[in-house]
Protein backbone atom coordinates (compact mmCIF):
# COMPACT_ATOMS: atom_id res chain seq x y z
CA MET A 1 77.63 122.78 107.71
CA THR A 2 80.23 121.93 105.07
CA ASP A 3 83.08 119.49 105.40
CA SER A 4 86.51 121.04 105.59
CA PRO A 5 88.88 120.01 102.79
CA THR A 6 91.32 117.22 103.49
CA LEU A 7 94.90 118.39 103.37
CA PRO A 8 97.75 116.11 102.30
CA LEU A 9 99.94 117.46 105.12
CA ASP A 10 98.69 117.80 108.69
CA VAL A 11 99.68 121.03 110.44
CA ILE A 12 99.56 120.57 114.24
CA VAL A 13 99.85 123.65 116.46
CA GLU A 14 100.92 123.18 120.07
CA PRO A 15 99.16 125.99 121.98
CA ARG A 16 100.98 125.76 125.32
CA SER A 17 104.47 126.34 123.93
CA SER A 18 106.24 129.63 124.50
CA VAL A 19 107.47 129.45 120.91
CA ALA A 20 104.97 128.54 118.22
CA THR A 21 106.00 125.30 116.51
CA ARG A 22 104.57 123.36 113.61
CA ARG A 23 105.05 119.67 113.06
CA VAL A 24 104.70 118.50 109.48
CA ALA A 25 103.29 115.00 109.44
CA ASP A 26 103.79 112.37 106.77
CA PRO A 27 100.45 110.86 105.69
CA VAL A 28 102.19 107.74 104.39
CA ARG A 29 103.55 107.01 107.88
CA GLY A 30 100.31 107.59 109.64
CA GLY A 31 100.84 111.18 110.69
CA ALA A 32 104.20 110.67 112.44
CA PRO A 33 106.00 114.01 112.79
CA LEU A 34 108.98 114.35 110.47
CA ARG A 35 110.49 117.58 111.73
CA THR A 36 109.75 120.58 113.89
CA LEU A 37 109.55 123.97 112.19
CA ARG A 38 110.19 127.03 114.33
CA PRO A 39 109.30 130.49 113.11
CA ARG A 40 112.18 132.74 112.13
CA THR A 41 111.91 136.25 113.49
CA LEU A 42 115.18 137.60 112.08
CA PRO A 43 114.92 138.87 108.48
CA ALA A 44 116.78 136.91 105.83
CA ARG A 45 118.98 139.90 104.98
CA TRP A 46 120.21 140.08 108.58
CA ARG A 47 120.78 136.33 108.70
CA ILE A 48 122.88 136.39 105.52
CA THR A 49 124.90 139.37 106.78
CA LEU A 50 125.50 137.85 110.21
CA TRP A 51 126.58 134.52 108.76
CA ILE A 52 129.03 136.27 106.45
CA ILE A 53 130.42 138.33 109.34
CA LEU A 54 130.70 135.22 111.51
CA SER A 55 132.51 133.26 108.83
CA ILE A 56 134.92 136.14 108.13
CA THR A 57 135.59 136.63 111.85
CA ILE A 58 136.30 132.95 112.43
CA THR A 59 138.57 132.83 109.36
CA LEU A 60 140.53 135.93 110.38
CA LEU A 61 140.83 134.70 113.97
CA ALA A 62 142.12 131.32 112.83
CA VAL A 63 144.57 132.94 110.40
CA GLY A 64 145.76 135.38 113.09
CA LEU A 65 146.36 132.69 115.68
CA MET A 66 148.14 130.46 113.20
CA GLY A 67 150.23 133.37 111.90
CA ARG A 68 151.22 134.44 115.41
CA SER A 69 152.28 130.90 116.23
CA ILE A 70 154.34 130.70 113.05
CA PHE A 71 156.08 134.02 113.71
CA LEU A 72 156.80 133.13 117.35
CA ALA A 73 158.25 129.83 116.18
CA GLY A 74 160.38 131.85 113.77
CA VAL A 75 161.70 133.92 116.69
CA GLU A 76 162.74 130.77 118.53
CA GLN A 77 164.34 129.32 115.41
CA ALA A 78 166.28 132.55 114.83
CA ALA A 79 167.58 132.43 118.43
CA ASN A 80 168.70 128.83 117.98
CA ALA A 81 170.44 129.77 114.74
CA GLU A 82 172.33 132.59 116.48
CA ILE A 83 173.51 130.21 119.21
CA GLU A 84 174.61 127.61 116.68
CA GLN A 85 176.47 130.27 114.68
CA GLU A 86 178.37 131.48 117.77
CA ALA A 87 179.29 127.90 118.64
CA ALA A 88 180.59 127.25 115.14
CA GLU A 89 182.64 130.48 115.11
CA PHE A 90 184.18 129.71 118.49
CA THR A 91 185.05 126.20 117.41
CA ARG A 92 186.94 127.52 114.40
CA PHE A 93 188.62 130.18 116.56
CA ALA A 94 189.76 127.55 119.09
CA GLU A 95 191.24 125.41 116.33
CA ASP A 96 193.35 128.37 115.19
CA ALA A 97 194.27 129.45 118.73
CA ALA A 98 197.43 127.33 118.89
CA THR A 99 198.97 129.08 115.90
CA ALA A 100 197.76 132.51 116.99
CA GLY A 101 200.10 132.69 120.03
CA PHE A 102 197.52 132.36 122.83
CA THR A 103 199.27 130.69 125.78
CA THR A 104 196.31 130.45 128.20
CA ALA A 105 192.59 129.74 127.97
CA GLU A 106 191.85 133.08 129.60
CA ALA A 107 193.72 134.99 126.90
CA MET A 108 192.03 133.00 124.15
CA VAL A 109 188.41 133.56 125.28
CA THR A 110 189.08 137.17 126.23
CA GLU A 111 190.36 137.82 122.70
CA TYR A 112 187.41 135.97 121.17
CA VAL A 113 184.84 137.94 123.16
CA ALA A 114 186.57 141.17 122.34
CA ARG A 115 186.21 140.47 118.64
CA GLN A 116 182.45 139.71 118.81
CA SER A 117 179.81 142.10 117.52
CA VAL A 118 176.57 140.92 119.07
CA HIS A 119 173.02 142.27 118.57
CA GLU A 120 171.03 143.90 121.35
CA GLU A 121 169.26 140.77 122.52
CA GLU A 122 172.39 138.60 122.58
CA VAL A 123 174.95 138.14 125.39
CA VAL A 124 178.21 136.14 125.13
CA VAL A 125 179.93 135.18 128.38
CA ALA A 126 183.41 133.61 128.53
CA SER A 127 184.39 131.72 131.69
CA VAL A 128 187.51 129.89 132.86
CA ASP A 129 187.48 127.47 135.77
CA GLY A 130 183.88 128.36 136.59
CA ARG A 131 184.24 132.15 136.78
CA ALA A 132 183.16 134.72 134.17
CA ILE A 133 186.07 136.65 132.84
CA SER A 134 184.61 138.46 129.81
CA VAL A 135 181.11 139.50 128.74
CA ALA A 136 179.89 140.87 125.38
CA ASN A 137 176.45 142.52 125.80
CA GLY A 138 174.70 143.83 122.70
CA LYS A 139 173.08 146.63 124.72
CA LEU A 140 176.44 147.99 125.88
CA GLU A 141 178.72 150.02 123.66
CA ALA A 142 181.87 148.21 124.84
CA THR A 143 182.78 144.84 126.22
CA ALA A 144 182.51 144.61 129.97
CA VAL A 145 185.31 142.49 131.34
CA ALA A 146 184.50 140.21 134.30
CA ALA A 147 181.19 141.99 134.78
CA SER A 148 178.50 139.32 135.25
CA ASP A 149 176.20 142.01 136.60
CA SER A 150 175.95 143.47 133.10
CA VAL A 151 174.11 140.35 131.99
CA PRO A 152 170.30 140.68 132.19
CA GLY A 153 169.47 138.40 135.06
CA GLY A 154 172.75 139.06 136.89
CA THR A 155 175.49 136.86 138.26
CA ALA A 156 172.97 134.35 139.57
CA LEU A 157 171.71 133.64 136.03
CA VAL A 158 175.26 133.24 134.68
CA THR A 159 176.26 130.95 137.54
CA ARG A 160 173.11 128.86 137.06
CA LEU A 161 173.68 128.37 133.31
CA LEU A 162 177.42 127.65 133.67
CA GLY A 163 176.71 125.01 136.26
CA ALA A 164 173.77 123.38 134.45
CA SER A 165 174.15 119.75 133.46
CA ALA A 166 172.61 120.37 130.02
CA SER A 167 174.50 122.24 127.33
CA SER A 168 171.45 124.18 126.02
CA GLY A 169 167.87 124.92 126.86
CA VAL A 170 164.98 127.36 127.27
CA LEU A 171 164.47 129.37 130.40
CA GLU A 172 161.80 131.78 131.64
CA THR A 173 163.20 134.55 133.83
CA PRO A 174 161.15 137.04 135.83
CA GLU A 175 163.51 139.90 134.98
CA SER A 176 164.04 139.46 131.23
CA GLY A 177 161.34 137.05 130.14
CA PRO A 178 161.99 133.98 128.03
CA LEU A 179 165.45 133.21 126.71
CA ARG A 180 167.36 130.51 124.89
CA TRP A 181 170.94 129.58 125.79
CA GLY A 182 173.75 127.34 124.71
CA ARG A 183 177.10 126.48 126.31
CA LEU A 184 180.26 125.23 124.62
CA ASP A 185 182.77 123.65 127.01
CA PHE A 186 186.48 123.43 126.13
CA ALA A 187 189.89 122.68 127.70
CA ALA A 188 193.16 124.52 127.09
CA GLY A 189 196.19 123.09 128.86
CA ASP A 190 195.37 122.59 132.51
CA GLN A 191 192.43 125.01 132.38
CA GLU A 192 188.78 124.33 131.57
CA GLY A 193 186.55 126.96 130.16
CA ALA A 194 183.16 127.56 128.64
CA LEU A 195 181.56 129.93 126.17
CA LEU A 196 177.95 130.81 127.14
CA VAL A 197 175.64 132.33 124.51
CA ILE A 198 172.30 133.77 125.68
CA GLU A 199 169.54 134.91 123.28
CA TYR A 200 166.74 136.97 124.84
CA THR A 201 163.48 136.59 122.86
CA GLN A 202 161.12 138.82 124.82
CA GLU A 203 161.69 141.87 122.62
CA ALA A 204 161.11 139.92 119.41
CA ARG A 205 157.99 138.31 120.85
CA THR A 206 156.74 141.74 121.86
CA GLN A 207 157.29 143.01 118.31
CA VAL A 208 155.35 140.04 116.92
CA ASP A 209 152.46 140.74 119.32
CA ALA A 210 152.53 144.43 118.42
CA GLY A 211 152.41 143.58 114.71
CA PHE A 212 149.48 141.26 115.17
CA THR A 213 147.70 143.83 117.32
CA THR A 214 147.92 146.21 114.37
CA ILE A 215 146.72 143.45 112.07
CA ALA A 216 143.81 142.81 114.46
CA TRP A 217 142.69 146.45 114.23
CA VAL A 218 142.97 146.33 110.45
CA ALA A 219 140.99 143.06 110.45
CA LEU A 220 138.31 144.72 112.58
CA LEU A 221 138.02 147.53 110.06
CA GLY A 222 137.90 144.91 107.33
CA ILE A 223 135.06 143.11 109.14
CA LEU A 224 133.13 146.36 109.39
CA LEU A 225 133.69 147.03 105.70
CA SER A 226 132.73 143.46 104.85
CA SER A 227 129.56 143.86 106.92
CA GLY A 228 128.51 146.81 104.81
CA VAL A 229 129.33 144.97 101.59
CA ALA A 230 127.50 141.86 102.84
CA TRP A 231 124.46 143.99 103.68
CA LEU A 232 124.42 145.49 100.18
CA VAL A 233 125.06 142.17 98.44
CA ALA A 234 122.38 140.41 100.51
CA GLY A 235 119.97 143.15 99.51
CA GLN A 236 120.78 142.65 95.84
CA ILE A 237 120.50 138.86 96.14
CA LEU A 238 117.15 139.10 97.91
CA ALA A 239 115.77 141.79 95.58
CA PRO A 240 114.08 139.18 93.30
CA VAL A 241 112.68 137.48 96.40
CA ARG A 242 111.22 140.81 97.49
CA GLU A 243 109.75 141.15 94.00
CA VAL A 244 108.15 137.72 94.41
CA TYR A 245 106.73 138.87 97.75
CA ARG A 246 105.49 142.13 96.23
CA VAL A 247 103.83 140.38 93.30
CA ALA A 248 102.26 137.74 95.58
CA ARG A 249 100.98 140.51 97.86
CA ASP A 250 99.53 142.57 95.01
CA ILE A 251 97.83 139.69 93.23
CA GLY A 252 94.09 139.94 93.67
CA GLU A 253 91.23 137.55 93.13
CA HIS A 254 90.39 139.00 89.73
CA ASP A 255 93.84 140.07 88.53
CA LEU A 256 96.56 137.46 88.10
CA SER A 257 98.46 139.32 85.40
CA ALA A 258 101.34 140.59 87.61
CA ARG A 259 104.70 138.90 87.00
CA VAL A 260 108.13 139.02 88.64
CA PRO A 261 110.85 140.66 86.52
CA VAL A 262 113.50 138.07 85.62
CA GLU A 263 117.12 139.17 85.20
CA GLY A 264 120.04 136.83 84.57
CA THR A 265 120.19 133.04 84.67
CA ASP A 266 121.18 132.30 88.28
CA ASP A 267 119.24 130.38 90.93
CA ILE A 268 117.25 133.45 92.01
CA ALA A 269 116.23 134.05 88.40
CA ALA A 270 115.17 130.40 88.22
CA VAL A 271 112.98 130.92 91.31
CA ALA A 272 111.38 133.99 89.71
CA THR A 273 110.84 132.09 86.45
CA THR A 274 109.25 129.16 88.26
CA PHE A 275 107.03 131.55 90.23
CA ASN A 276 105.93 133.23 86.99
CA GLN A 277 105.18 129.84 85.45
CA MET A 278 103.07 128.98 88.49
CA LEU A 279 101.19 132.26 88.04
CA ASP A 280 100.67 131.43 84.36
CA ARG A 281 99.09 128.12 85.34
CA LEU A 282 96.96 129.74 88.02
CA GLU A 283 95.85 132.46 85.62
CA ALA A 284 94.94 129.87 83.00
CA VAL A 285 92.97 127.83 85.54
CA HIS A 286 91.29 130.97 86.87
CA ALA A 287 90.42 132.11 83.35
CA THR A 288 88.99 128.67 82.54
CA GLN A 289 86.89 128.64 85.68
CA GLN A 290 85.74 132.21 85.15
CA ARG A 291 84.86 131.50 81.51
CA PHE A 292 82.96 128.39 82.57
CA VAL A 293 81.00 130.35 85.18
CA ASP A 294 80.30 133.18 82.75
CA ASP A 295 79.26 130.80 79.97
CA ALA A 296 77.09 128.75 82.29
CA GLY A 297 75.45 131.86 83.69
CA HIS A 298 74.92 133.27 80.18
CA GLU A 299 73.47 130.13 78.66
CA LEU A 300 71.54 128.68 81.61
CA ARG A 301 69.74 131.88 82.49
CA THR A 302 67.08 131.43 79.79
CA PRO A 303 66.14 127.77 80.48
CA ILE A 304 66.06 128.43 84.23
CA THR A 305 63.71 131.35 83.65
CA ILE A 306 61.52 129.16 81.42
CA VAL A 307 61.43 126.33 83.96
CA ARG A 308 60.60 128.71 86.82
CA GLY A 309 57.83 130.39 84.80
CA GLN A 310 56.31 127.08 83.74
CA LEU A 311 56.34 125.74 87.30
CA GLU A 312 54.78 128.92 88.65
CA LEU A 313 51.93 128.57 86.12
CA LEU A 314 51.54 124.83 86.65
CA SER A 315 47.89 124.00 86.14
CA GLU A 316 45.81 121.38 87.91
CA GLN A 317 44.42 120.17 84.60
CA PRO A 318 46.08 116.87 83.60
CA GLU A 319 46.57 117.84 79.96
CA GLU A 320 48.07 121.23 80.74
CA ARG A 321 50.11 119.73 83.55
CA ALA A 322 51.55 117.07 81.21
CA GLU A 323 52.40 119.71 78.59
CA THR A 324 54.11 121.87 81.23
CA LEU A 325 56.14 118.92 82.49
CA ARG A 326 57.13 118.07 78.91
CA LEU A 327 58.37 121.63 78.38
CA VAL A 328 60.19 121.61 81.70
CA SER A 329 61.78 118.24 80.93
CA GLY A 330 62.95 119.50 77.56
CA GLU A 331 64.55 122.58 79.10
CA LEU A 332 66.23 120.46 81.77
CA ASP A 333 67.63 118.18 79.06
CA ARG A 334 68.94 121.22 77.22
CA MET A 335 70.50 122.52 80.43
CA SER A 336 72.18 119.15 81.02
CA ARG A 337 73.53 119.15 77.48
CA ILE A 338 74.85 122.69 77.87
CA VAL A 339 76.60 121.84 81.15
CA THR A 340 78.14 118.74 79.56
CA ASP A 341 79.44 120.78 76.62
CA LEU A 342 80.83 123.44 78.95
CA LEU A 343 82.64 120.79 80.99
CA VAL A 344 84.16 119.40 77.80
CA LEU A 345 85.38 122.88 76.83
CA ALA A 346 86.75 123.46 80.32
CA ARG A 347 88.62 120.17 80.22
CA SER A 348 89.98 120.92 76.75
CA GLU A 349 92.55 123.24 78.32
CA GLN A 350 94.02 120.42 80.41
CA SER A 351 97.08 118.50 79.22
CA ASP A 352 95.33 115.11 79.23
CA PHE A 353 92.32 116.23 77.18
CA VAL A 354 93.72 114.45 74.11
CA ARG A 355 95.28 110.98 74.41
CA ILE A 356 97.25 110.15 71.29
CA ALA A 357 97.35 106.65 69.83
CA ASN A 358 98.38 105.27 66.45
CA CYS A 359 95.08 104.65 64.70
CA GLU A 360 94.10 103.13 61.37
CA VAL A 361 92.27 105.96 59.63
CA ALA A 362 90.19 103.77 57.28
CA THR A 363 88.65 101.84 60.18
CA LEU A 364 88.05 105.07 62.10
CA THR A 365 86.28 106.64 59.09
CA LEU A 366 84.01 103.62 58.61
CA ASP A 367 83.12 103.62 62.33
CA ILE A 368 82.24 107.32 62.21
CA GLU A 369 80.05 106.82 59.13
CA ALA A 370 78.20 103.92 60.79
CA LYS A 371 77.53 105.98 63.91
CA ALA A 372 76.45 109.05 61.92
CA GLN A 373 73.65 107.09 60.17
CA THR A 374 71.82 106.79 63.49
CA LEU A 375 71.58 110.56 63.87
CA GLY A 376 68.86 111.11 61.28
CA ASP A 377 67.02 109.91 58.18
CA ARG A 378 69.38 111.28 55.59
CA ARG A 379 71.13 109.99 52.47
CA TRP A 380 74.56 109.34 53.95
CA GLN A 381 77.38 109.06 51.43
CA LEU A 382 80.97 108.14 52.27
CA MET A 383 82.88 109.90 49.50
CA GLU A 384 86.52 109.01 50.27
CA ILE A 385 88.53 107.01 52.81
CA ALA A 386 92.13 107.71 53.80
CA GLU A 387 94.28 104.60 54.02
CA GLY A 388 97.12 104.50 56.53
CA TYR A 389 97.85 105.26 60.13
CA ALA A 390 97.87 108.56 62.02
CA ALA A 391 98.70 109.58 65.60
CA LEU A 392 95.45 110.91 67.07
CA ASP A 393 92.84 110.41 69.78
CA PRO A 394 90.18 108.26 68.06
CA GLN A 395 87.49 109.04 70.65
CA ARG A 396 87.94 112.81 70.45
CA VAL A 397 88.15 112.77 66.65
CA THR A 398 84.98 110.68 66.53
CA GLN A 399 83.32 113.17 68.88
CA ALA A 400 84.33 116.10 66.67
CA VAL A 401 83.18 114.55 63.38
CA LEU A 402 79.89 113.34 64.89
CA GLN A 403 79.30 116.88 66.15
CA LEU A 404 79.74 118.11 62.58
CA THR A 405 77.32 115.47 61.29
CA ALA A 406 74.81 116.34 64.02
CA ASN A 407 74.96 119.99 62.91
CA ALA A 408 74.43 118.84 59.32
CA VAL A 409 71.34 116.88 60.39
CA GLN A 410 69.93 120.00 62.08
CA VAL A 411 70.09 122.12 58.91
CA THR A 412 68.78 119.49 56.50
CA GLU A 413 65.49 117.69 55.96
CA PRO A 414 64.80 113.95 55.87
CA GLY A 415 66.08 112.49 52.61
CA ASP A 416 68.68 115.22 52.05
CA ARG A 417 72.20 114.18 51.17
CA ILE A 418 75.05 114.44 53.70
CA GLU A 419 78.55 113.53 52.54
CA LEU A 420 81.59 112.75 54.63
CA GLY A 421 85.07 111.46 54.11
CA SER A 422 88.76 111.48 55.06
CA ARG A 423 91.99 111.89 53.12
CA PHE A 424 95.70 112.59 53.56
CA GLU A 425 97.08 115.78 52.09
CA GLY A 426 100.69 116.88 51.69
CA GLU A 427 103.90 114.92 51.97
CA GLY A 428 106.57 114.31 54.60
CA ALA A 429 106.53 116.71 57.52
CA GLU A 430 103.69 118.70 55.91
CA ARG A 431 101.33 115.75 55.65
CA ARG A 432 97.99 116.13 57.41
CA LEU A 433 94.78 114.17 57.83
CA ARG A 434 91.57 115.92 56.74
CA LEU A 435 88.15 114.68 57.92
CA TRP A 436 85.14 116.55 56.53
CA VAL A 437 81.33 116.66 56.42
CA ARG A 438 79.29 118.38 53.65
CA ASP A 439 75.58 119.22 53.91
CA THR A 440 73.00 120.75 51.57
CA GLY A 441 71.66 123.21 54.12
CA PRO A 442 71.40 126.99 53.97
CA GLY A 443 75.17 127.50 54.25
CA VAL A 444 77.08 130.00 56.31
CA ALA A 445 77.52 133.69 55.62
CA ALA A 446 81.07 134.89 55.04
CA ALA A 447 80.88 137.17 58.08
CA ASP A 448 79.77 134.26 60.27
CA ALA A 449 82.42 131.87 58.92
CA GLU A 450 85.19 133.80 60.68
CA ARG A 451 83.62 133.42 64.13
CA ILE A 452 81.36 130.38 63.90
CA PHE A 453 83.75 128.23 65.98
CA GLU A 454 83.55 130.61 68.95
CA ARG A 455 81.35 129.84 71.93
CA PHE A 456 77.63 130.61 71.69
CA ILE A 457 77.95 131.70 68.05
CA ARG A 458 75.38 130.17 65.70
CA GLY A 459 75.63 129.76 61.96
CA ASP A 460 73.43 132.57 60.70
CA SER A 461 70.88 135.12 61.77
CA THR A 462 67.97 133.20 60.31
CA GLY A 463 68.08 130.55 63.00
CA ALA A 464 68.53 127.71 60.55
CA ARG A 465 71.46 126.43 62.53
CA ARG A 466 70.05 125.76 65.97
CA GLY A 467 71.64 124.64 69.22
CA SER A 468 73.55 126.13 72.12
CA GLY A 469 76.43 127.40 70.02
CA LEU A 470 78.95 125.15 71.81
CA GLY A 471 79.23 122.24 69.38
CA LEU A 472 81.62 123.89 66.93
CA ALA A 473 83.63 125.32 69.83
CA ILE A 474 84.15 121.74 71.03
CA VAL A 475 85.20 120.73 67.50
CA ARG A 476 87.81 123.49 67.42
CA ALA A 477 89.04 122.54 70.92
CA ILE A 478 89.56 118.93 69.78
CA ALA A 479 91.41 120.09 66.66
CA ASP A 480 93.58 122.45 68.72
CA GLY A 481 94.34 119.62 71.13
CA HIS A 482 95.84 117.68 68.22
CA GLY A 483 97.82 120.68 67.05
CA GLY A 484 95.50 121.07 64.05
CA SER A 485 92.65 123.35 63.04
CA ALA A 486 88.91 123.41 62.36
CA TRP A 487 87.58 125.02 59.20
CA VAL A 488 84.44 125.73 57.15
CA ASP A 489 83.97 126.23 53.41
CA SER A 490 80.56 127.56 52.47
CA VAL A 491 78.57 129.80 50.17
CA LEU A 492 75.36 131.17 51.63
CA GLY A 493 72.40 129.25 50.21
CA GLN A 494 74.53 126.43 48.73
CA GLY A 495 75.31 124.27 51.74
CA ALA A 496 78.47 124.09 53.84
CA MET A 497 81.49 121.85 54.25
CA PHE A 498 83.00 121.57 57.75
CA GLY A 499 86.12 119.70 58.71
CA ILE A 500 89.22 119.34 60.85
CA ASP A 501 92.86 119.03 59.84
CA ILE A 502 95.23 116.99 62.03
CA PRO A 503 99.01 116.89 61.52
CA ALA A 504 100.16 113.43 60.39
CA PRO A 505 103.82 114.00 59.45
CA ALA A 506 104.88 110.35 59.24
CA GLU A 507 103.40 106.93 58.76
CA ALA A 508 102.60 105.67 62.27
CA ARG A 509 103.15 102.07 63.23
CA PRO A 510 100.13 100.13 64.40
CA GLY A 511 99.92 98.89 67.94
CA SER A 512 101.91 101.58 69.77
CA ALA A 513 100.16 104.22 71.79
CA HIS A 514 101.12 107.00 74.14
CA GLU A 515 99.57 109.95 75.88
CA ARG A 516 100.04 113.36 74.39
CA SER A 517 102.16 115.54 76.67
CA GLU A 518 101.97 119.27 76.42
């Protein structure tokens, strides 16, 4: 029974709920639920469309109500203006009445009313001593004299307004609807009179309502049209998301090459780009793991077979048993070394494989030469030493150069000469640090030199260069991690010179260090 992996976020499912909920817990706060997530059953396209329709509907409704209120207020203001205009005209007429030859109040107001041209929703009533003597009704072709019944609302309405204590106001009548009125009292000799102006607003209010009813139907058609446009636009907006879904659905265990097409530079394109970058990382990790598994299976198959065969033929004789155990131990050591090398190559593709620091090259070269002397009984010669500082990972560089010296030990005999050294080449931005190792071994064929740094590739077909074929691959990985290169210069039968070049564009200051970020 294997342990289940520990997740950073706890997902708790409540089984007895009618709606499935998930509570995401914060591990820092001891698993306390932060929020409740409920599943969404409505597709995103429908949600976008409905929200757009809702927002448009609310906006149109608010605009319609506000517009209707403004227009109705305009109707009331127009009625007030008509009343004020009639009052002003009558005032001027009364001031000129004395010179016009009117001897009585009745004659004056009768003449005034006769001259009026009122609109259909306006009524002007002239009264003397509390009785109506002349009426101008916009709905009648001629002036009706002393005919209060011609006023919408009848004699009762006229009597009520003439006897009101206020001089103006608003009134709601069951017969004619709302109206606005104003009364101008005057005195002429021993008579008292009044001019009553009535503005009926029901017709204008009805026209406003009819206009906004038409606008409402047009708005409804606009909402339907907007719904279709919102549906199409939501589809276009969500198209990259559907592509992400399609790519995620089609990705298989052994094929991570599918990518989402990226168009434009908006937020959706940024999501697609980020998703593709995630797939790039996953593909790189998958390729690294697959290559590690393939390499391990390829290289470990032979020693496992040897170990199994030796153990199956294990003898009871002490001498033979000891020899078998020695062979088995040797193969196990080789397997351990292969696995270690494969892990180094697998880690070489990670961003923290190389940790850059400003290093004094002369000291580094002397340390490498001192360590190399312990690898074998050879005539070690340090030919040149670079003086200055370079930004590099001293441990990885040491590992690479020692791997080259170990290879040189394998192809030489005790007492043979092995040379090594370091130097700066180039100037300014083109400057680079070269570390090299030269042996007097059999050399490398030209055909092998082009592929010798690949995995499981050995130096030549004669078997002079032994090993798992991973050492030079590690050297190249370390050089690549520094942004440099690994190289070989050899003539078959005349030895070989291996080395790495590392960019060193400027003189580094001692004492400062930082990690290399890729």
